[in-house]
C-alpha atoms as a PDB file:
ATOM      1  CA  UNK A   1      -0.432  -0.052   0.210  1.00  0.00           C
ATOM      2  CA  UNK A   2       0.985   3.909  -0.865  1.00  0.00           C
ATOM      3  CA  UNK A   3      -0.971   6.324   0.222  1.00  0.00           C
ATOM      4  CA  UNK A   4      -0.524  10.140  -1.199  1.00  0.00           C
ATOM      5  CA  UNK A   5      -1.151  12.694   1.105  1.00  0.00           C
ATOM      6  CA  UNK A   6      -2.229  16.518  -0.411  1.00  0.00           C
ATOM      7  CA  UNK A   7      -1.222  19.807   1.296  1.00  0.00           C
ATOM      8  CA  UNK A   8       1.341  17.771   2.859  1.00  0.00           C
ATOM      9  CA  UNK A   9       3.222  20.942   4.325  1.00  0.00           C
ATOM     10  CA  UNK A  10       0.464  22.118   5.363  1.00  0.00           C
ATOM     11  CA  UNK A  11      -0.852  22.464   9.002  1.00  0.00           C
ATOM     12  CA  UNK A  12      -2.830  19.868   8.683  1.00  0.00           C
ATOM     13  CA  UNK A  13      -1.254  17.899   5.934  1.00  0.00           C
ATOM     14  CA  UNK A  14       2.391  17.612   7.593  1.00  0.00           C
ATOM     15  CA  UNK A  15       0.759  15.920  10.547  1.00  0.00           C
ATOM     16  CA  UNK A  16      -1.418  13.425   8.310  1.00  0.00           C
ATOM     17  CA  UNK A  17       1.724  11.891   6.812  1.00  0.00           C
ATOM     18  CA  UNK A  18       3.826  11.996   9.971  1.00  0.00           C
ATOM     19  CA  UNK A  19       0.707  10.175  11.206  1.00  0.00           C
ATOM     20  CA  UNK A  20       1.380   7.942   7.923  1.00  0.00           C
ATOM     21  CA  UNK A  21       5.117   6.652   9.089  1.00  0.00           C
ATOM     22  CA  UNK A  22       4.590   6.626  12.437  1.00  0.00           C
ATOM     23  CA  UNK A  23       2.505   3.551  11.588  1.00  0.00           C
ATOM     24  CA  UNK A  24       5.140   2.341   8.654  1.00  0.00           C
ATOM     25  CA  UNK A  25       2.770   3.421   5.819  1.00  0.00           C
ATOM     26  CA  UNK A  26       5.045   4.820   3.038  1.00  0.00           C
ATOM     27  CA  UNK A  27       3.396   8.217   2.095  1.00  0.00           C
ATOM     28  CA  UNK A  28       3.916  10.383  -1.325  1.00  0.00           C
ATOM     29  CA  UNK A  29       3.748  13.613   0.510  1.00  0.00           C
ATOM     30  CA  UNK A  30       2.491  15.870  -2.494  1.00  0.00           C
ATOM     31  CA  UNK A  31       3.074  19.755  -2.187  1.00  0.00           C
ATOM     32  CA  UNK A  32       3.866  22.740  -4.760  1.00  0.00           C
ATOM     33  CA  UNK A  33       6.951  23.326  -2.456  1.00  0.00           C
ATOM     34  CA  UNK A  34       8.223  19.638  -1.812  1.00  0.00           C
ATOM     35  CA  UNK A  35      11.305  19.066   0.595  1.00  0.00           C
ATOM     36  CA  UNK A  36      13.514  15.759   0.894  1.00  0.00           C
ATOM     37  CA  UNK A  37      12.913  12.406   1.139  1.00  0.00           C
ATOM     38  CA  UNK A  38      13.120  10.912   4.998  1.00  0.00           C
ATOM     39  CA  UNK A  39      12.491   7.462   5.766  1.00  0.00           C
ATOM     40  CA  UNK A  40       9.278   6.055   4.072  1.00  0.00           C
ATOM     41  CA  UNK A  41       8.132  10.022   2.984  1.00  0.00           C
ATOM     42  CA  UNK A  42       8.378  10.647  -0.857  1.00  0.00           C
ATOM     43  CA  UNK A  43       8.482  14.720  -1.613  1.00  0.00           C
ATOM     44  CA  UNK A  44       6.507  14.540  -4.575  1.00  0.00           C
ATOM     45  CA  UNK A  45       5.308  18.161  -6.666  1.00  0.00           C
ATOM     46  CA  UNK A  46       1.902  18.721  -6.876  1.00  0.00           C
ATOM     47  CA  UNK A  47      -0.072  21.763  -7.967  1.00  0.00           C
ATOM     48  CA  UNK A  48      -4.014  21.672  -8.908  1.00  0.00           C
ATOM     49  CA  UNK A  49      -3.432  24.142 -11.334  1.00  0.00           C
ATOM     50  CA  UNK A  50      -0.481  22.621 -13.102  1.00  0.00           C
ATOM     51  CA  UNK A  51      -2.300  19.685 -14.489  1.00  0.00           C
ATOM     52  CA  UNK A  52       1.008  18.064 -15.632  1.00  0.00           C
ATOM     53  CA  UNK A  53       2.269  17.616 -12.254  1.00  0.00           C
ATOM     54  CA  UNK A  54      -1.120  15.402 -11.203  1.00  0.00           C
ATOM     55  CA  UNK A  55      -0.286  11.411 -13.131  1.00  0.00           C
ATOM     56  CA  UNK A  56       3.898  12.163 -11.694  1.00  0.00           C
ATOM     57  CA  UNK A  57       2.398  13.164  -8.089  1.00  0.00           C
ATOM     58  CA  UNK A  58       0.074  10.159  -7.448  1.00  0.00           C
ATOM     59  CA  UNK A  59       2.560   7.637  -9.638  1.00  0.00           C
ATOM     60  CA  UNK A  60       1.525   4.194  -7.514  1.00  0.00           C
ATOM     61  CA  UNK A  61      -0.573   5.470  -5.159  1.00  0.00           C
ATOM     62  CA  UNK A  62      -3.528   3.328  -4.460  1.00  0.00           C
ATOM     63  CA  UNK A  63      -4.800   5.824  -1.530  1.00  0.00           C
ATOM     64  CA  UNK A  64      -5.447   9.718  -1.134  1.00  0.00           C
ATOM     65  CA  UNK A  65      -6.133  11.777   1.306  1.00  0.00           C
ATOM     66  CA  UNK A  66      -7.065  15.644   0.087  1.00  0.00           C
ATOM     67  CA  UNK A  67      -8.267  18.997   1.363  1.00  0.00           C
ATOM     68  CA  UNK A  68      -8.946  20.456  -2.168  1.00  0.00           C
ATOM     69  CA  UNK A  69      -9.757  24.249  -2.627  1.00  0.00           C
ATOM     70  CA  UNK A  70     -11.286  26.493  -0.190  1.00  0.00           C
ATOM     71  CA  UNK A  71     -11.892  29.211  -2.188  1.00  0.00           C
ATOM     72  CA  UNK A  72     -11.823  28.608  -6.187  1.00  0.00           C
ATOM     73  CA  UNK A  73     -15.336  28.470  -7.694  1.00  0.00           C
ATOM     74  CA  UNK A  74     -14.377  25.663  -9.633  1.00  0.00           C
ATOM     75  CA  UNK A  75     -13.418  23.345  -6.804  1.00  0.00           C
ATOM     76  CA  UNK A  76     -15.868  21.078  -7.254  1.00  0.00           C
ATOM     77  CA  UNK A  77     -14.443  20.621 -11.287  1.00  0.00           C
ATOM     78  CA  UNK A  78     -11.431  20.992 -10.763  1.00  0.00           C
ATOM     79  CA  UNK A  79     -11.944  17.709  -8.078  1.00  0.00           C
ATOM     80  CA  UNK A  80     -13.813  15.531 -10.065  1.00  0.00           C
ATOM     81  CA  UNK A  81     -11.697  15.826 -13.018  1.00  0.00           C
ATOM     82  CA  UNK A  82      -8.521  15.305 -10.681  1.00  0.00           C
ATOM     83  CA  UNK A  83      -9.881  12.090  -9.410  1.00  0.00           C
ATOM     84  CA  UNK A  84     -11.392  11.102 -13.013  1.00  0.00           C
ATOM     85  CA  UNK A  85      -7.395  10.920 -13.837  1.00  0.00           C
ATOM     86  CA  UNK A  86      -6.368   8.454 -11.083  1.00  0.00           C
ATOM     87  CA  UNK A  87      -7.053   5.385 -12.207  1.00  0.00           C
ATOM     88  CA  UNK A  88      -5.052   3.803  -9.467  1.00  0.00           C
ATOM     89  CA  UNK A  89      -6.019   5.597  -7.123  1.00  0.00           C
ATOM     90  CA  UNK A  90      -9.342   2.974  -5.133  1.00  0.00           C
ATOM     91  CA  UNK A  91     -10.073   4.957  -2.003  1.00  0.00           C
ATOM     92  CA  UNK A  92     -10.392   8.425  -1.712  1.00  0.00           C
ATOM     93  CA  UNK A  93     -10.118  10.727   1.738  1.00  0.00           C
ATOM     94  CA  UNK A  94     -11.399  13.892   1.873  1.00  0.00           C
ATOM     95  CA  UNK A  95     -10.635  16.277   5.032  1.00  0.00           C
ATOM     96  CA  UNK A  96     -13.992  18.875   4.712  1.00  0.00           C
ATOM     97  CA  UNK A  97     -15.503  20.343   7.363  1.00  0.00           C
ATOM     98  CA  UNK A  98     -17.961  20.436  10.381  1.00  0.00           C
ATOM     99  CA  UNK A  99     -21.518  21.085   8.850  1.00  0.00           C
ATOM    100  CA  UNK A 100     -20.704  20.740   5.837  1.00  0.00           C
ATOM    101  CA  UNK A 101     -22.872  18.260   5.064  1.00  0.00           C
ATOM    102  CA  UNK A 102     -25.958  20.054   6.441  1.00  0.00           C
ATOM    103  CA  UNK A 103     -25.065  22.745   4.087  1.00  0.00           C
ATOM    104  CA  UNK A 104     -26.895  22.966   0.212  1.00  0.00           C
ATOM    105  CA  UNK A 105     -25.559  21.157  -2.668  1.00  0.00           C
ATOM    106  CA  UNK A 106     -24.529  24.686  -4.185  1.00  0.00           C
ATOM    107  CA  UNK A 107     -22.480  25.682  -1.312  1.00  0.00           C
ATOM    108  CA  UNK A 108     -18.659  25.788  -2.502  1.00  0.00           C
ATOM    109  CA  UNK A 109     -17.024  22.714  -0.200  1.00  0.00           C
ATOM    110  CA  UNK A 110     -20.630  20.917   0.132  1.00  0.00           C
ATOM    111  CA  UNK A 111     -19.904  20.686  -3.852  1.00  0.00           C
ATOM    112  CA  UNK A 112     -16.539  19.027  -4.472  1.00  0.00           C
ATOM    113  CA  UNK A 113     -17.745  17.079  -1.120  1.00  0.00           C
ATOM    114  CA  UNK A 114     -20.302  15.225  -3.608  1.00  0.00           C
ATOM    115  CA  UNK A 115     -17.331  15.469  -6.385  1.00  0.00           C
ATOM    116  CA  UNK A 116     -15.896  12.953  -4.427  1.00  0.00           C
ATOM    117  CA  UNK A 117     -18.528  10.858  -3.748  1.00  0.00           C
ATOM    118  CA  UNK A 118     -20.137  10.776  -6.748  1.00  0.00           C
ATOM    119  CA  UNK A 119     -16.221   9.735  -8.785  1.00  0.00           C
ATOM    120  CA  UNK A 120     -16.999   6.024  -8.807  1.00  0.00           C
ATOM    121  CA  UNK A 121     -14.270   5.794  -6.431  1.00  0.00           C
ATOM    122  CA  UNK A 122     -14.870   4.129  -2.324  1.00  0.00           C
ATOM    123  CA  UNK A 123     -14.965   7.538  -0.481  1.00  0.00           C
ATOM    124  CA  UNK A 124     -14.415   8.450   3.533  1.00  0.00           C
ATOM    125  CA  UNK A 125     -15.293  12.167   4.326  1.00  0.00           C
ATOM    126  CA  UNK A 126     -13.582  13.589   7.553  1.00  0.00           C
ATOM    127  CA  UNK A 127     -15.120  16.515   8.813  1.00  0.00           C
ATOM    128  CA  UNK A 128     -12.673  18.394  11.255  1.00  0.00           C
ATOM    129  CA  UNK A 129     -13.940  21.453  12.838  1.00  0.00           C
ATOM    130  CA  UNK A 130     -12.112  24.693  13.329  1.00  0.00           C
ATOM    131  CA  UNK A 131      -8.146  23.789  14.003  1.00  0.00           C
ATOM    132  CA  UNK A 132      -6.622  24.600  17.865  1.00  0.00           C
ATOM    133  CA  UNK A 133      -3.443  25.234  15.039  1.00  0.00           C
ATOM    134  CA  UNK A 134      -5.419  28.459  13.858  1.00  0.00           C
ATOM    135  CA  UNK A 135      -4.438  30.200  16.324  1.00  0.00           C
ATOM    136  CA  UNK A 136      -0.047  29.957  16.044  1.00  0.00           C
ATOM    137  CA  UNK A 137       0.564  28.826  12.684  1.00  0.00           C
ATOM    138  CA  UNK A 138      -3.061  30.151  10.898  1.00  0.00           C
ATOM    139  CA  UNK A 139      -0.895  33.892  10.099  1.00  0.00           C
ATOM    140  CA  UNK A 140      -4.011  35.507   8.877  1.00  0.00           C
ATOM    141  CA  UNK A 141      -6.280  33.691  10.546  1.00  0.00           C
ATOM    142  CA  UNK A 142      -5.321  34.220  14.331  1.00  0.00           C
ATOM    143  CA  UNK A 143      -1.420  34.360  14.575  1.00  0.00           C
ATOM    144  CA  UNK A 144      -0.455  37.213  13.546  1.00  0.00           C
ATOM    145  CA  UNK A 145      -2.869  39.707  15.332  1.00  0.00           C
ATOM    146  CA  UNK A 146      -2.499  36.783  18.292  1.00  0.00           C
ATOM    147  CA  UNK A 147       1.404  38.055  18.299  1.00  0.00           C
ATOM    148  CA  UNK A 148       1.742  41.404  17.426  1.00  0.00           C
ATOM    149  CA  UNK A 149      -0.858  42.511  19.153  1.00  0.00           C
ATOM    150  CA  UNK A 150      -2.471  39.998  21.431  1.00  0.00           C
ATOM    151  CA  UNK A 151      -5.564  40.150  20.323  1.00  0.00           C
ATOM    152  CA  UNK A 152      -8.030  37.157  19.151  1.00  0.00           C
ATOM    153  CA  UNK A 153      -9.322  38.760  16.017  1.00  0.00           C
ATOM    154  CA  UNK A 154     -12.983  36.788  15.413  1.00  0.00           C
ATOM    155  CA  UNK A 155     -16.346  37.911  14.635  1.00  0.00           C
ATOM    156  CA  UNK A 156     -18.368  35.577  17.295  1.00  0.00           C
ATOM    157  CA  UNK A 157     -20.489  37.128  19.598  1.00  0.00           C
ATOM    158  CA  UNK A 158     -20.379  34.440  22.302  1.00  0.00           C
ATOM    159  CA  UNK A 159     -20.738  31.451  19.485  1.00  0.00           C
ATOM    160  CA  UNK A 160     -19.480  27.908  20.234  1.00  0.00           C
ATOM    161  CA  UNK A 161     -16.890  26.167  18.668  1.00  0.00           C
ATOM    162  CA  UNK A 162     -15.455  22.678  19.409  1.00  0.00           C
ATOM    163  CA  UNK A 163     -12.229  23.271  18.478  1.00  0.00           C
ATOM    164  CA  UNK A 164     -10.185  20.573  16.989  1.00  0.00           C
ATOM    165  CA  UNK A 165      -6.353  18.985  17.568  1.00  0.00           C
ATOM    166  CA  UNK A 166      -4.560  18.839  14.238  1.00  0.00           C
ATOM    167  CA  UNK A 167      -3.528  15.908  15.364  1.00  0.00           C
ATOM    168  CA  UNK A 168      -6.840  14.116  16.243  1.00  0.00           C
ATOM    169  CA  UNK A 169      -7.108  14.947  12.506  1.00  0.00           C
ATOM    170  CA  UNK A 170      -4.575  12.596  11.238  1.00  0.00           C
ATOM    171  CA  UNK A 171      -5.269  10.403  13.607  1.00  0.00           C
ATOM    172  CA  UNK A 172      -8.158  10.041  12.095  1.00  0.00           C
ATOM    173  CA  UNK A 173      -6.780   9.883   8.457  1.00  0.00           C
ATOM    174  CA  UNK A 174      -4.889   7.032   9.274  1.00  0.00           C
ATOM    175  CA  UNK A 175      -7.521   5.143  10.854  1.00  0.00           C
ATOM    176  CA  UNK A 176      -9.791   4.894   7.579  1.00  0.00           C
ATOM    177  CA  UNK A 177      -7.091   5.606   5.316  1.00  0.00           C
ATOM    178  CA  UNK A 178      -5.335   2.085   7.115  1.00  0.00           C
ATOM    179  CA  UNK A 179      -8.570  -0.317   8.079  1.00  0.00           C
ATOM    180  CA  UNK A 180     -11.619  -1.394   6.588  1.00  0.00           C
ATOM    181  CA  UNK A 181     -15.351  -0.434   7.135  1.00  0.00           C
ATOM    182  CA  UNK A 182     -15.411   3.429   6.044  1.00  0.00           C
ATOM    183  CA  UNK A 183     -16.231   3.462   2.423  1.00  0.00           C
ATOM    184  CA  UNK A 184     -19.411   6.006   2.092  1.00  0.00           C
ATOM    185  CA  UNK A 185     -18.842   7.276   5.646  1.00  0.00           C
ATOM    186  CA  UNK A 186     -18.933  10.956   6.980  1.00  0.00           C
ATOM    187  CA  UNK A 187     -16.915  11.705  10.161  1.00  0.00           C
ATOM    188  CA  UNK A 188     -17.823  14.522  12.323  1.00  0.00           C
ATOM    189  CA  UNK A 189     -14.439  15.342  14.433  1.00  0.00           C
ATOM    190  CA  UNK A 190     -14.042  17.620  17.397  1.00  0.00           C
ATOM    191  CA  UNK A 191     -13.034  18.364  20.386  1.00  0.00           C
ATOM    192  CA  UNK A 192     -14.296  17.155  23.853  1.00  0.00           C
ATOM    193  CA  UNK A 193     -15.950  20.665  24.650  1.00  0.00           C
ATOM    194  CA  UNK A 194     -17.701  23.764  22.540  1.00  0.00           C
ATOM    195  CA  UNK A 195     -15.785  27.178  24.160  1.00  0.00           C
ATOM    196  CA  UNK A 196     -16.521  30.884  22.865  1.00  0.00           C
ATOM    197  CA  UNK A 197     -13.655  32.484  21.433  1.00  0.00           C
ATOM    198  CA  UNK A 198     -14.081  35.383  24.919  1.00  0.00           C
ATOM    199  CA  UNK A 199     -13.201  31.679  26.730  1.00  0.00           C
ATOM    200  CA  UNK A 200     -10.295  30.503  24.243  1.00  0.00           C
ATOM    201  CA  UNK A 201      -8.889  34.148  25.103  1.00  0.00           C
ATOM    202  CA  UNK A 202      -9.488  33.611  28.853  1.00  0.00           C
ATOM    203  CA  UNK A 203      -7.000  30.199  28.757  1.00  0.00           C
ATOM    204  CA  UNK A 204      -4.068  31.579  26.773  1.00  0.00           C
ATOM    205  CA  UNK A 205      -3.635  34.398  28.562  1.00  0.00           C
ATOM    206  CA  UNK A 206      -3.837  32.868  31.398  1.00  0.00           C
ATOM    207  CA  UNK A 207      -1.214  29.820  29.816  1.00  0.00           C
ATOM    208  CA  UNK A 208       0.676  32.630  28.185  1.00  0.00           C
ATOM    209  CA  UNK A 209       0.452  35.128  31.177  1.00  0.00           C
ATOM    210  CA  UNK A 210       0.059  37.981  28.276  1.00  0.00           C
ATOM    211  CA  UNK A 211      -3.092  39.949  28.001  1.00  0.00           C
ATOM    212  CA  UNK A 212      -5.164  38.320  25.315  1.00  0.00           C
ATOM    213  CA  UNK A 213      -8.153  39.520  24.540  1.00  0.00           C
ATOM    214  CA  UNK A 214     -10.872  38.851  22.211  1.00  0.00           C
ATOM    215  CA  UNK A 215     -11.963  41.223  19.747  1.00  0.00           C
ATOM    216  CA  UNK A 216     -15.472  40.540  18.327  1.00  0.00           C
ATOM    217  CA  UNK A 217     -15.353  41.728  15.352  1.00  0.00           C
ATOM    218  CA  UNK A 218     -18.089  43.579  13.054  1.00  0.00           C
ATOM    219  CA  UNK A 219     -18.170  42.052   9.292  1.00  0.00           C
ATOM    220  CA  UNK A 220     -16.740  45.203   8.094  1.00  0.00           C
ATOM    221  CA  UNK A 221     -14.147  44.874  10.648  1.00  0.00           C
ATOM    222  CA  UNK A 222     -13.072  41.332  10.011  1.00  0.00           C
ATOM    223  CA  UNK A 223     -13.146  42.473   6.649  1.00  0.00           C
ATOM    224  CA  UNK A 224     -10.993  44.437   6.588  1.00  0.00           C
ATOM    225  CA  UNK A 225      -8.718  42.811   8.621  1.00  0.00           C
ATOM    226  CA  UNK A 226      -8.880  39.930   6.084  1.00  0.00           C
ATOM    227  CA  UNK A 227      -7.925  42.368   3.322  1.00  0.00           C
ATOM    228  CA  UNK A 228      -5.042  43.375   5.112  1.00  0.00           C
ATOM    229  CA  UNK A 229      -3.525  39.595   4.486  1.00  0.00           C
ATOM    230  CA  UNK A 230      -3.417  40.637   0.905  1.00  0.00           C
ATOM    231  CA  UNK A 231      -5.118  37.423  -0.093  1.00  0.00           C
ATOM    232  CA  UNK A 232      -7.666  36.761  -2.972  1.00  0.00           C
ATOM    233  CA  UNK A 233     -11.616  38.645  -2.240  1.00  0.00           C
ATOM    234  CA  UNK A 234     -12.302  35.303  -2.779  1.00  0.00           C
ATOM    235  CA  UNK A 235     -10.264  33.901   0.648  1.00  0.00           C
ATOM    236  CA  UNK A 236     -11.508  36.888   2.328  1.00  0.00           C
ATOM    237  CA  UNK A 237     -14.930  35.978   1.747  1.00  0.00           C
ATOM    238  CA  UNK A 238     -14.605  32.454   2.899  1.00  0.00           C
ATOM    239  CA  UNK A 239     -13.678  33.444   6.198  1.00  0.00           C
ATOM    240  CA  UNK A 240     -16.436  35.441   6.461  1.00  0.00           C
ATOM    241  CA  UNK A 241     -18.546  32.690   5.367  1.00  0.00           C
ATOM    242  CA  UNK A 242     -16.627  30.770   8.118  1.00  0.00           C
ATOM    243  CA  UNK A 243     -17.424  33.509  10.993  1.00  0.00           C
ATOM    244  CA  UNK A 244     -21.173  33.359   9.807  1.00  0.00           C
ATOM    245  CA  UNK A 245     -21.990  29.171  10.442  1.00  0.00           C
ATOM    246  CA  UNK A 246     -19.897  30.326  14.130  1.00  0.00           C
ATOM    247  CA  UNK A 247     -22.324  32.617  14.223  1.00  0.00           C
ATOM    248  CA  UNK A 248     -25.601  30.538  13.673  1.00  0.00           C
ATOM    249  CA  UNK A 249     -24.067  27.769  15.708  1.00  0.00           C
ATOM    250  CA  UNK A 250     -22.844  25.415  12.750  1.00  0.00           C
ATOM    251  CA  UNK A 251     -19.573  24.937  14.711  1.00  0.00           C
ATOM    252  CA  UNK A 252     -21.237  24.277  18.205  1.00  0.00           C
ATOM    253  CA  UNK A 253     -21.974  20.952  18.401  1.00  0.00           C
ATOM    254  CA  UNK A 254     -19.922  18.243  19.895  1.00  0.00           C
ATOM    255  CA  UNK A 255     -19.343  14.323  18.672  1.00  0.00           C
ATOM    256  CA  UNK A 256     -17.605  11.248  20.112  1.00  0.00           C
ATOM    257  CA  UNK A 257     -16.376  10.316  16.353  1.00  0.00           C
ATOM    258  CA  UNK A 258     -12.733  10.596  16.734  1.00  0.00           C
ATOM    259  CA  UNK A 259     -13.441   8.658  20.214  1.00  0.00           C
ATOM    260  CA  UNK A 260     -15.252   5.928  18.140  1.00  0.00           C
ATOM    261  CA  UNK A 261     -12.785   5.494  14.863  1.00  0.00           C
ATOM    262  CA  UNK A 262      -9.462   5.716  17.456  1.00  0.00           C
ATOM    263  CA  UNK A 263     -10.662   4.521  20.554  1.00  0.00           C
ATOM    264  CA  UNK A 264      -9.109   7.927  22.523  1.00  0.00           C
ATOM    265  CA  UNK A 265     -10.341  10.880  23.747  1.00  0.00           C
ATOM    266  CA  UNK A 266      -9.783  14.206  21.947  1.00  0.00           C
ATOM    267  CA  UNK A 267      -7.577  16.788  22.751  1.00  0.00           C
ATOM    268  CA  UNK A 268      -8.615  19.727  24.741  1.00  0.00           C
ATOM    269  CA  UNK A 269      -7.532  23.563  24.595  1.00  0.00           C
ATOM    270  CA  UNK A 270      -6.558  22.937  27.826  1.00  0.00           C
ATOM    271  CA  UNK A 271      -3.384  20.700  26.806  1.00  0.00           C
ATOM    272  CA  UNK A 272      -2.873  22.983  23.409  1.00  0.00           C
ATOM    273  CA  UNK A 273      -2.501  25.858  25.031  1.00  0.00           C
ATOM    274  CA  UNK A 274       0.430  24.308  27.747  1.00  0.00           C
ATOM    275  CA  UNK A 275       1.833  22.649  24.788  1.00  0.00           C
ATOM    276  CA  UNK A 276       2.093  26.020  22.514  1.00  0.00           C
ATOM    277  CA  UNK A 277       1.169  28.646  24.807  1.00  0.00           C
ATOM    278  CA  UNK A 278       3.148  28.376  28.515  1.00  0.00           C
ATOM    279  CA  UNK A 279       4.789  31.334  28.776  1.00  0.00           C
END
């Protein structure tokens, strides 16, 4: 068995690669800027917008872990084209997001899910909630403002989120990629509790010893904040849509899917904060 992981240098993908390698599974680690081979990991160049990279990157992989494109209007069509171009691939594991299964079929991320489900391949969908690692790794979501101004910039009110640790997503991915019984299934991966962004700020402040505060931004303030990233308007719109879902309560439910998959309890906000924010 050879597995192929897209986004292998990102905050989720690199942990999936590491978890698979630790389990002794050969991995083709796909990204636009691959590094050097290490052990069972073979880095390969892959670009969604350069179809000449697709087949060489896949090689002999028979199962794939995909994240896809977050804010491209053609994301579903590109996904369908990619999966259809991979005759050797038998199993597709797609990382979507919590709540997407309840979205209308025309919603961008739901449309990508349906492209995977209708591909003719065996499929499994993992739907993690917001990642805890966004607070220290994702510059323009939370990390930059937290690092420079001690501001947790989140237009969320008192809405709650059952944050997921990326390592839990990786452990779940190993399970569904290497074990039978997960075809045609979707799993929503959450942490063990739902907390407000204000409560997150309190935990990070206490552990770090810094005056971190939650800024409950208006949509207009949020748009201006995200626009400073220099990223495309489609990404800014995507982020605003995500916060709209948070305010609607979509990110609040807690599930036991991770524990049922792995036999382990999910990691907690407190444990993440102690590890990454201890002053």
